Amino acid sequence: MRRVIWRAVLVLAFPVALTAPVLTRPASAAQSLSAGCQAVNDPRLDGLYSTSGVAAGTAFGAGERITVSAGLPTFGPPTDRIRLAVNVTGGAIIDTTFPGTITFTFPAATTGSLFWGVFDGFATWTVTCDVAPDPKQMISDLRDLVAGLGIHHGTANALDAKLQAALAALGADDTASACVALQDFLNLVSAQTDKKLSDAQAAELTDAANAIRVELGC
């Protein structure tokens, strides 16, 4: 029978003797994060994660995103489907195979717990918390990028129309249509590469659009 090891190596409550956490981001950005996010980012905890981690009873804000990455466990049958999982208070469980990275964005402010773990062995973990990008703002920024490239007027208008369609779809809570509009944008970029767009311009636009699609889960 598989031996199950759960070792809580992170509890987000520090002894009184410890100084305030030194955060991994500028103070101006850190101040906008919840207490839970700031505690997860405490660099004193780097390298301490082994079998599992727990962040208990901490406050997280709406739109904050937990990112958990892990390498391969140190032992266990090579045929095992060992999973990296985060169990978020409220029942959300996200998992992937090792090695892997998963993210979870809090849909609303909450005080709860996080858990990540592996059944056999020890893994190297990286756990961070930040504010998830707003896809609508990302699209608006991409529109500004298109406008600032100085490309052919007709091409710029055609690209912007695709992005306006994506914004309109998100405004109607229609993520699927937004994904289609962004793919249309990518198709147009590809079609105009080495014509109305240079390779560098096409690469910049493609990377930005793909980042938005990732945030939307396209």
C-alpha atoms as a PDB file:
ATOM      1  CA  MET A   1       0.000   0.000   0.000  1.00  0.00           C
ATOM      2  CA  ARG A   2       1.304   3.433  -0.880  1.00  0.00           C
ATOM      3  CA  ARG A   3       2.601   5.319   2.094  1.00  0.00           C
ATOM      4  CA  VAL A   4       0.939   8.701   2.280  1.00  0.00           C
ATOM      5  CA  ILE A   5       3.067  11.506   3.661  1.00  0.00           C
ATOM      6  CA  TRP A   6       1.505  14.838   4.469  1.00  0.00           C
ATOM      7  CA  ARG A   7       3.913  17.288   6.000  1.00  0.00           C
ATOM      8  CA  ALA A   8       2.621  20.810   6.512  1.00  0.00           C
ATOM      9  CA  VAL A   9       5.648  23.004   6.072  1.00  0.00           C
ATOM     10  CA  LEU A  10       3.936  26.339   5.674  1.00  0.00           C
ATOM     11  CA  VAL A  11       1.450  27.848   8.082  1.00  0.00           C
ATOM     12  CA  LEU A  12       0.882  31.515   7.465  1.00  0.00           C
ATOM     13  CA  ALA A  13       1.149  32.640  11.040  1.00  0.00           C
ATOM     14  CA  PHE A  14       4.585  33.679  12.252  1.00  0.00           C
ATOM     15  CA  PRO A  15       6.048  33.702  15.785  1.00  0.00           C
ATOM     16  CA  VAL A  16       6.048  37.077  17.484  1.00  0.00           C
ATOM     17  CA  ALA A  17       9.857  37.072  17.527  1.00  0.00           C
ATOM     18  CA  LEU A  18      10.045  37.181  13.717  1.00  0.00           C
ATOM     19  CA  THR A  19      10.306  40.504  11.957  1.00  0.00           C
ATOM     20  CA  ALA A  20       7.769  41.637   9.383  1.00  0.00           C
ATOM     21  CA  PRO A  21       8.017  39.775   6.073  1.00  0.00           C
ATOM     22  CA  VAL A  22      10.382  41.130   3.448  1.00  0.00           C
ATOM     23  CA  LEU A  23       8.379  40.908   0.250  1.00  0.00           C
ATOM     24  CA  THR A  24       9.619  39.965  -3.184  1.00  0.00           C
ATOM     25  CA  ARG A  25       7.987  42.948  -4.907  1.00  0.00           C
ATOM     26  CA  PRO A  26       8.206  46.757  -4.596  1.00  0.00           C
ATOM     27  CA  ALA A  27       6.411  48.177  -1.573  1.00  0.00           C
ATOM     28  CA  SER A  28       3.914  50.077  -3.709  1.00  0.00           C
ATOM     29  CA  ALA A  29       2.786  46.842  -5.353  1.00  0.00           C
ATOM     30  CA  ALA A  30       2.931  44.836  -2.147  1.00  0.00           C
ATOM     31  CA  GLN A  31       0.667  47.273  -0.327  1.00  0.00           C
ATOM     32  CA  SER A  32      -2.136  46.539  -2.783  1.00  0.00           C
ATOM     33  CA  LEU A  33      -2.015  42.818  -2.028  1.00  0.00           C
ATOM     34  CA  SER A  34      -4.030  41.081   0.681  1.00  0.00           C
ATOM     35  CA  ALA A  35      -2.465  39.767   3.859  1.00  0.00           C
ATOM     36  CA  GLY A  36      -2.687  36.255   2.444  1.00  0.00           C
ATOM     37  CA  CYS A  37      -0.919  37.206  -0.780  1.00  0.00           C
ATOM     38  CA  GLN A  38       1.840  39.019   1.081  1.00  0.00           C
ATOM     39  CA  ALA A  39       2.406  36.076   3.401  1.00  0.00           C
ATOM     40  CA  VAL A  40       2.623  33.603   0.512  1.00  0.00           C
ATOM     41  CA  ASN A  41       5.306  35.818  -1.045  1.00  0.00           C
ATOM     42  CA  ASP A  42       7.410  35.953   2.135  1.00  0.00           C
ATOM     43  CA  PRO A  43      10.951  35.033   0.963  1.00  0.00           C
ATOM     44  CA  ARG A  44      11.792  33.511   4.355  1.00  0.00           C
ATOM     45  CA  LEU A  45       9.678  30.544   3.276  1.00  0.00           C
ATOM     46  CA  ASP A  46      11.550  29.939   0.005  1.00  0.00           C
ATOM     47  CA  GLY A  47      13.028  26.459  -0.063  1.00  0.00           C
ATOM     48  CA  LEU A  48      10.976  25.226   2.887  1.00  0.00           C
ATOM     49  CA  TYR A  49       8.224  23.552   0.894  1.00  0.00           C
ATOM     50  CA  SER A  50       8.661  19.786   0.752  1.00  0.00           C
ATOM     51  CA  THR A  51       5.790  17.311   0.749  1.00  0.00           C
ATOM     52  CA  SER A  52       3.000  19.795   1.168  1.00  0.00           C
ATOM     53  CA  GLY A  53       2.105  23.291   2.223  1.00  0.00           C
ATOM     54  CA  VAL A  54      -0.795  24.915   3.952  1.00  0.00           C
ATOM     55  CA  ALA A  55      -1.859  28.535   4.050  1.00  0.00           C
ATOM     56  CA  ALA A  56      -4.557  28.568   6.714  1.00  0.00           C
ATOM     57  CA  GLY A  57      -7.105  31.197   7.614  1.00  0.00           C
ATOM     58  CA  THR A  58      -5.654  34.010   5.530  1.00  0.00           C
ATOM     59  CA  ALA A  59      -7.430  36.797   3.659  1.00  0.00           C
ATOM     60  CA  PHE A  60      -7.197  36.905  -0.140  1.00  0.00           C
ATOM     61  CA  GLY A  61      -8.617  39.565  -2.434  1.00  0.00           C
ATOM     62  CA  ALA A  62     -10.773  39.257  -5.525  1.00  0.00           C
ATOM     63  CA  GLY A  63      -8.614  38.875  -8.613  1.00  0.00           C
ATOM     64  CA  GLU A  64      -5.540  37.697  -6.735  1.00  0.00           C
ATOM     65  CA  ARG A  65      -3.842  34.715  -8.303  1.00  0.00           C
ATOM     66  CA  ILE A  66      -1.969  31.858  -6.683  1.00  0.00           C
ATOM     67  CA  THR A  67       0.694  30.214  -8.856  1.00  0.00           C
ATOM     68  CA  VAL A  68       2.167  26.883  -7.744  1.00  0.00           C
ATOM     69  CA  SER A  69       5.009  25.152  -9.583  1.00  0.00           C
ATOM     70  CA  ALA A  70       6.692  21.898  -8.633  1.00  0.00           C
ATOM     71  CA  GLY A  71       9.415  19.612  -9.907  1.00  0.00           C
ATOM     72  CA  LEU A  72       9.446  15.828  -9.860  1.00  0.00           C
ATOM     73  CA  PRO A  73       9.170  14.059  -6.494  1.00  0.00           C
ATOM     74  CA  THR A  74      12.322  12.416  -5.199  1.00  0.00           C
ATOM     75  CA  PHE A  75      10.899   8.893  -5.143  1.00  0.00           C
ATOM     76  CA  GLY A  76       7.874   6.849  -6.154  1.00  0.00           C
ATOM     77  CA  PRO A  77       7.070   4.370  -8.942  1.00  0.00           C
ATOM     78  CA  PRO A  78       7.877   5.990 -12.292  1.00  0.00           C
ATOM     79  CA  THR A  79       4.521   4.830 -13.679  1.00  0.00           C
ATOM     80  CA  ASP A  80       2.571   6.688 -10.998  1.00  0.00           C
ATOM     81  CA  ARG A  81       0.413   9.563 -12.139  1.00  0.00           C
ATOM     82  CA  ILE A  82       1.569  11.809  -9.333  1.00  0.00           C
ATOM     83  CA  ARG A  83      -0.415  15.013  -9.300  1.00  0.00           C
ATOM     84  CA  LEU A  84       0.221  18.527  -8.173  1.00  0.00           C
ATOM     85  CA  ALA A  85      -3.005  19.804  -6.633  1.00  0.00           C
ATOM     86  CA  VAL A  86      -4.201  22.950  -4.935  1.00  0.00           C
ATOM     87  CA  ASN A  87      -7.302  22.584  -2.797  1.00  0.00           C
ATOM     88  CA  VAL A  88      -8.812  26.006  -2.250  1.00  0.00           C
ATOM     89  CA  THR A  89     -11.420  26.617   0.435  1.00  0.00           C
ATOM     90  CA  GLY A  90     -14.786  26.430  -1.235  1.00  0.00           C
ATOM     91  CA  GLY A  91     -14.102  23.178  -3.027  1.00  0.00           C
ATOM     92  CA  ALA A  92     -12.003  24.274  -6.018  1.00  0.00           C
ATOM     93  CA  ILE A  93      -9.338  21.697  -6.818  1.00  0.00           C
ATOM     94  CA  ILE A  94      -6.911  22.226  -9.683  1.00  0.00           C
ATOM     95  CA  ASP A  95      -4.289  19.675 -10.572  1.00  0.00           C
ATOM     96  CA  THR A  96      -1.667  18.762 -13.135  1.00  0.00           C
ATOM     97  CA  THR A  97       0.996  16.132 -13.552  1.00  0.00           C
ATOM     98  CA  PHE A  98       4.563  16.647 -12.347  1.00  0.00           C
ATOM     99  CA  PRO A  99       6.519  18.665 -13.188  1.00  0.00           C
ATOM    100  CA  GLY A 100       3.986  21.392 -13.684  1.00  0.00           C
ATOM    101  CA  THR A 101       2.522  24.779 -12.896  1.00  0.00           C
ATOM    102  CA  ILE A 102      -1.043  25.613 -11.972  1.00  0.00           C
ATOM    103  CA  THR A 103      -2.821  28.847 -11.153  1.00  0.00           C
ATOM    104  CA  PHE A 104      -5.979  29.787  -9.301  1.00  0.00           C
ATOM    105  CA  THR A 105      -7.592  33.235  -9.348  1.00  0.00           C
ATOM    106  CA  PHE A 106      -9.905  34.162  -6.487  1.00  0.00           C
ATOM    107  CA  PRO A 107     -13.251  35.268  -7.974  1.00  0.00           C
ATOM    108  CA  ALA A 108     -14.140  37.190  -4.810  1.00  0.00           C
ATOM    109  CA  ALA A 109     -12.492  38.317  -1.602  1.00  0.00           C
ATOM    110  CA  THR A 110     -12.352  35.497   0.916  1.00  0.00           C
ATOM    111  CA  THR A 111     -10.648  34.259   4.045  1.00  0.00           C
ATOM    112  CA  GLY A 112      -9.658  30.672   3.528  1.00  0.00           C
ATOM    113  CA  SER A 113      -6.960  28.077   3.109  1.00  0.00           C
ATOM    114  CA  LEU A 114      -4.748  26.730   0.365  1.00  0.00           C
ATOM    115  CA  PHE A 115      -3.165  23.313   0.178  1.00  0.00           C
ATOM    116  CA  TRP A 116      -0.669  21.777  -2.211  1.00  0.00           C
ATOM    117  CA  GLY A 117       0.867  18.347  -1.898  1.00  0.00           C
ATOM    118  CA  VAL A 118       2.253  15.141  -3.348  1.00  0.00           C
ATOM    119  CA  PHE A 119       1.556  11.643  -2.079  1.00  0.00           C
ATOM    120  CA  ASP A 120       5.046  10.149  -2.365  1.00  0.00           C
ATOM    121  CA  GLY A 121       8.413  11.779  -1.900  1.00  0.00           C
ATOM    122  CA  PHE A 122       9.480  15.386  -1.727  1.00  0.00           C
ATOM    123  CA  ALA A 123       9.235  18.015  -4.446  1.00  0.00           C
ATOM    124  CA  THR A 124      10.700  21.463  -4.995  1.00  0.00           C
ATOM    125  CA  TRP A 125       7.921  24.029  -4.827  1.00  0.00           C
ATOM    126  CA  THR A 126       7.557  27.629  -5.928  1.00  0.00           C
ATOM    127  CA  VAL A 127       4.426  29.324  -4.623  1.00  0.00           C
ATOM    128  CA  THR A 128       3.627  32.965  -5.383  1.00  0.00           C
ATOM    129  CA  CYS A 129       0.655  35.308  -5.234  1.00  0.00           C
ATOM    130  CA  ASP A 130      -0.028  38.375  -7.342  1.00  0.00           C
ATOM    131  CA  VAL A 131      -2.894  40.256  -8.961  1.00  0.00           C
ATOM    132  CA  ALA A 132      -4.136  38.539 -12.093  1.00  0.00           C
ATOM    133  CA  PRO A 133      -4.108  40.769 -15.185  1.00  0.00           C
ATOM    134  CA  ASP A 134      -7.449  42.143 -16.351  1.00  0.00           C
ATOM    135  CA  PRO A 135      -8.087  40.787 -19.890  1.00  0.00           C
ATOM    136  CA  LYS A 136     -10.117  43.877 -20.810  1.00  0.00           C
ATOM    137  CA  GLN A 137      -7.231  46.141 -19.848  1.00  0.00           C
ATOM    138  CA  MET A 138      -4.817  43.866 -21.687  1.00  0.00           C
ATOM    139  CA  ILE A 139      -6.913  44.192 -24.863  1.00  0.00           C
ATOM    140  CA  SER A 140      -7.052  47.973 -24.451  1.00  0.00           C
ATOM    141  CA  ASP A 141      -3.277  48.017 -24.068  1.00  0.00           C
ATOM    142  CA  LEU A 142      -2.945  45.911 -27.213  1.00  0.00           C
ATOM    143  CA  ARG A 143      -5.158  48.385 -29.098  1.00  0.00           C
ATOM    144  CA  ASP A 144      -2.779  51.149 -28.009  1.00  0.00           C
ATOM    145  CA  LEU A 145       0.143  49.047 -29.205  1.00  0.00           C
ATOM    146  CA  VAL A 146      -1.436  48.582 -32.622  1.00  0.00           C
ATOM    147  CA  ALA A 147      -2.165  52.308 -32.878  1.00  0.00           C
ATOM    148  CA  GLY A 148       1.411  53.186 -31.964  1.00  0.00           C
ATOM    149  CA  LEU A 149       3.149  50.927 -34.474  1.00  0.00           C
ATOM    150  CA  GLY A 150       2.740  53.343 -37.362  1.00  0.00           C
ATOM    151  CA  ILE A 151       1.621  50.580 -39.707  1.00  0.00           C
ATOM    152  CA  HIS A 152      -0.584  50.890 -42.793  1.00  0.00           C
ATOM    153  CA  HIS A 153      -3.869  52.601 -41.876  1.00  0.00           C
ATOM    154  CA  GLY A 154      -6.096  49.886 -43.305  1.00  0.00           C
ATOM    155  CA  THR A 155      -4.173  47.116 -41.554  1.00  0.00           C
ATOM    156  CA  ALA A 156      -4.278  48.973 -38.243  1.00  0.00           C
ATOM    157  CA  ASN A 157      -8.036  49.481 -38.556  1.00  0.00           C
ATOM    158  CA  ALA A 158      -8.602  45.819 -39.398  1.00  0.00           C
ATOM    159  CA  LEU A 159      -6.552  44.671 -36.418  1.00  0.00           C
ATOM    160  CA  ASP A 160      -8.295  47.131 -34.106  1.00  0.00           C
ATOM    161  CA  ALA A 161     -11.699  45.907 -35.265  1.00  0.00           C
ATOM    162  CA  LYS A 162     -10.824  42.394 -34.094  1.00  0.00           C
ATOM    163  CA  LEU A 163      -9.815  43.738 -30.696  1.00  0.00           C
ATOM    164  CA  GLN A 164     -12.974  45.842 -30.402  1.00  0.00           C
ATOM    165  CA  ALA A 165     -14.988  42.697 -31.113  1.00  0.00           C
ATOM    166  CA  ALA A 166     -13.117  40.893 -28.330  1.00  0.00           C
ATOM    167  CA  LEU A 167     -13.824  43.725 -25.891  1.00  0.00           C
ATOM    168  CA  ALA A 168     -17.500  43.779 -26.833  1.00  0.00           C
ATOM    169  CA  ALA A 169     -17.722  40.029 -26.270  1.00  0.00           C
ATOM    170  CA  LEU A 170     -16.136  40.303 -22.825  1.00  0.00           C
ATOM    171  CA  GLY A 171     -18.535  43.128 -22.009  1.00  0.00           C
ATOM    172  CA  ALA A 172     -21.345  40.690 -22.710  1.00  0.00           C
ATOM    173  CA  ASP A 173     -19.666  37.957 -20.627  1.00  0.00           C
ATOM    174  CA  ASP A 174     -19.110  35.948 -23.812  1.00  0.00           C
ATOM    175  CA  THR A 175     -15.602  34.606 -23.357  1.00  0.00           C
ATOM    176  CA  ALA A 176     -15.927  32.109 -26.212  1.00  0.00           C
ATOM    177  CA  SER A 177     -16.627  34.865 -28.742  1.00  0.00           C
ATOM    178  CA  ALA A 178     -13.764  36.928 -27.316  1.00  0.00           C
ATOM    179  CA  CYS A 179     -11.452  33.976 -27.905  1.00  0.00           C
ATOM    180  CA  VAL A 180     -12.674  33.712 -31.500  1.00  0.00           C
ATOM    181  CA  ALA A 181     -12.062  37.427 -32.070  1.00  0.00           C
ATOM    182  CA  LEU A 182      -8.538  37.153 -30.680  1.00  0.00           C
ATOM    183  CA  GLN A 183      -7.840  34.164 -32.918  1.00  0.00           C
ATOM    184  CA  ASP A 184      -9.097  36.241 -35.860  1.00  0.00           C
ATOM    185  CA  PHE A 185      -6.627  38.923 -34.779  1.00  0.00           C
ATOM    186  CA  LEU A 186      -3.807  36.367 -34.720  1.00  0.00           C
ATOM    187  CA  ASN A 187      -4.797  35.055 -38.139  1.00  0.00           C
ATOM    188  CA  LEU A 188      -4.675  38.572 -39.566  1.00  0.00           C
ATOM    189  CA  VAL A 189      -1.291  39.226 -37.989  1.00  0.00           C
ATOM    190  CA  SER A 190       0.012  36.017 -39.545  1.00  0.00           C
ATOM    191  CA  ALA A 191      -1.407  36.916 -42.944  1.00  0.00           C
ATOM    192  CA  GLN A 192       0.249  40.371 -42.869  1.00  0.00           C
ATOM    193  CA  THR A 193       3.656  39.240 -41.607  1.00  0.00           C
ATOM    194  CA  ASP A 194       6.392  40.290 -44.049  1.00  0.00           C
ATOM    195  CA  LYS A 195       3.784  42.397 -45.862  1.00  0.00           C
ATOM    196  CA  LYS A 196       2.246  45.194 -43.820  1.00  0.00           C
ATOM    197  CA  LEU A 197       3.938  43.961 -40.619  1.00  0.00           C
ATOM    198  CA  SER A 198       7.598  43.307 -39.949  1.00  0.00           C
ATOM    199  CA  ASP A 199       8.649  40.091 -38.235  1.00  0.00           C
ATOM    200  CA  ALA A 200       9.337  42.020 -35.031  1.00  0.00           C
ATOM    201  CA  GLN A 201       5.956  43.752 -35.081  1.00  0.00           C
ATOM    202  CA  ALA A 202       4.149  40.495 -35.786  1.00  0.00           C
ATOM    203  CA  ALA A 203       5.975  38.740 -32.947  1.00  0.00           C
ATOM    204  CA  GLU A 204       5.094  41.528 -30.493  1.00  0.00           C
ATOM    205  CA  LEU A 205       1.426  41.474 -31.448  1.00  0.00           C
ATOM    206  CA  THR A 206       1.273  37.680 -31.400  1.00  0.00           C
ATOM    207  CA  ASP A 207       2.838  37.443 -27.939  1.00  0.00           C
ATOM    208  CA  ALA A 208       0.430  40.034 -26.536  1.00  0.00           C
ATOM    209  CA  ALA A 209      -2.648  38.380 -28.033  1.00  0.00           C
ATOM    210  CA  ASN A 210      -1.584  34.936 -26.864  1.00  0.00           C
ATOM    211  CA  ALA A 211      -1.065  36.255 -23.330  1.00  0.00           C
ATOM    212  CA  ILE A 212      -4.656  37.508 -23.333  1.00  0.00           C
ATOM    213  CA  ARG A 213      -5.914  34.161 -24.596  1.00  0.00           C
ATOM    214  CA  VAL A 214      -4.089  32.415 -21.773  1.00  0.00           C
ATOM    215  CA  GLU A 215      -5.755  34.689 -19.200  1.00  0.00           C
ATOM    216  CA  LEU A 216      -9.157  33.957 -20.755  1.00  0.00           C
ATOM    217  CA  GLY A 217      -8.527  30.214 -20.887  1.00  0.00           C
ATOM    218  CA  CYS A 218      -9.058  30.085 -24.649  1.00  0.00           C
END
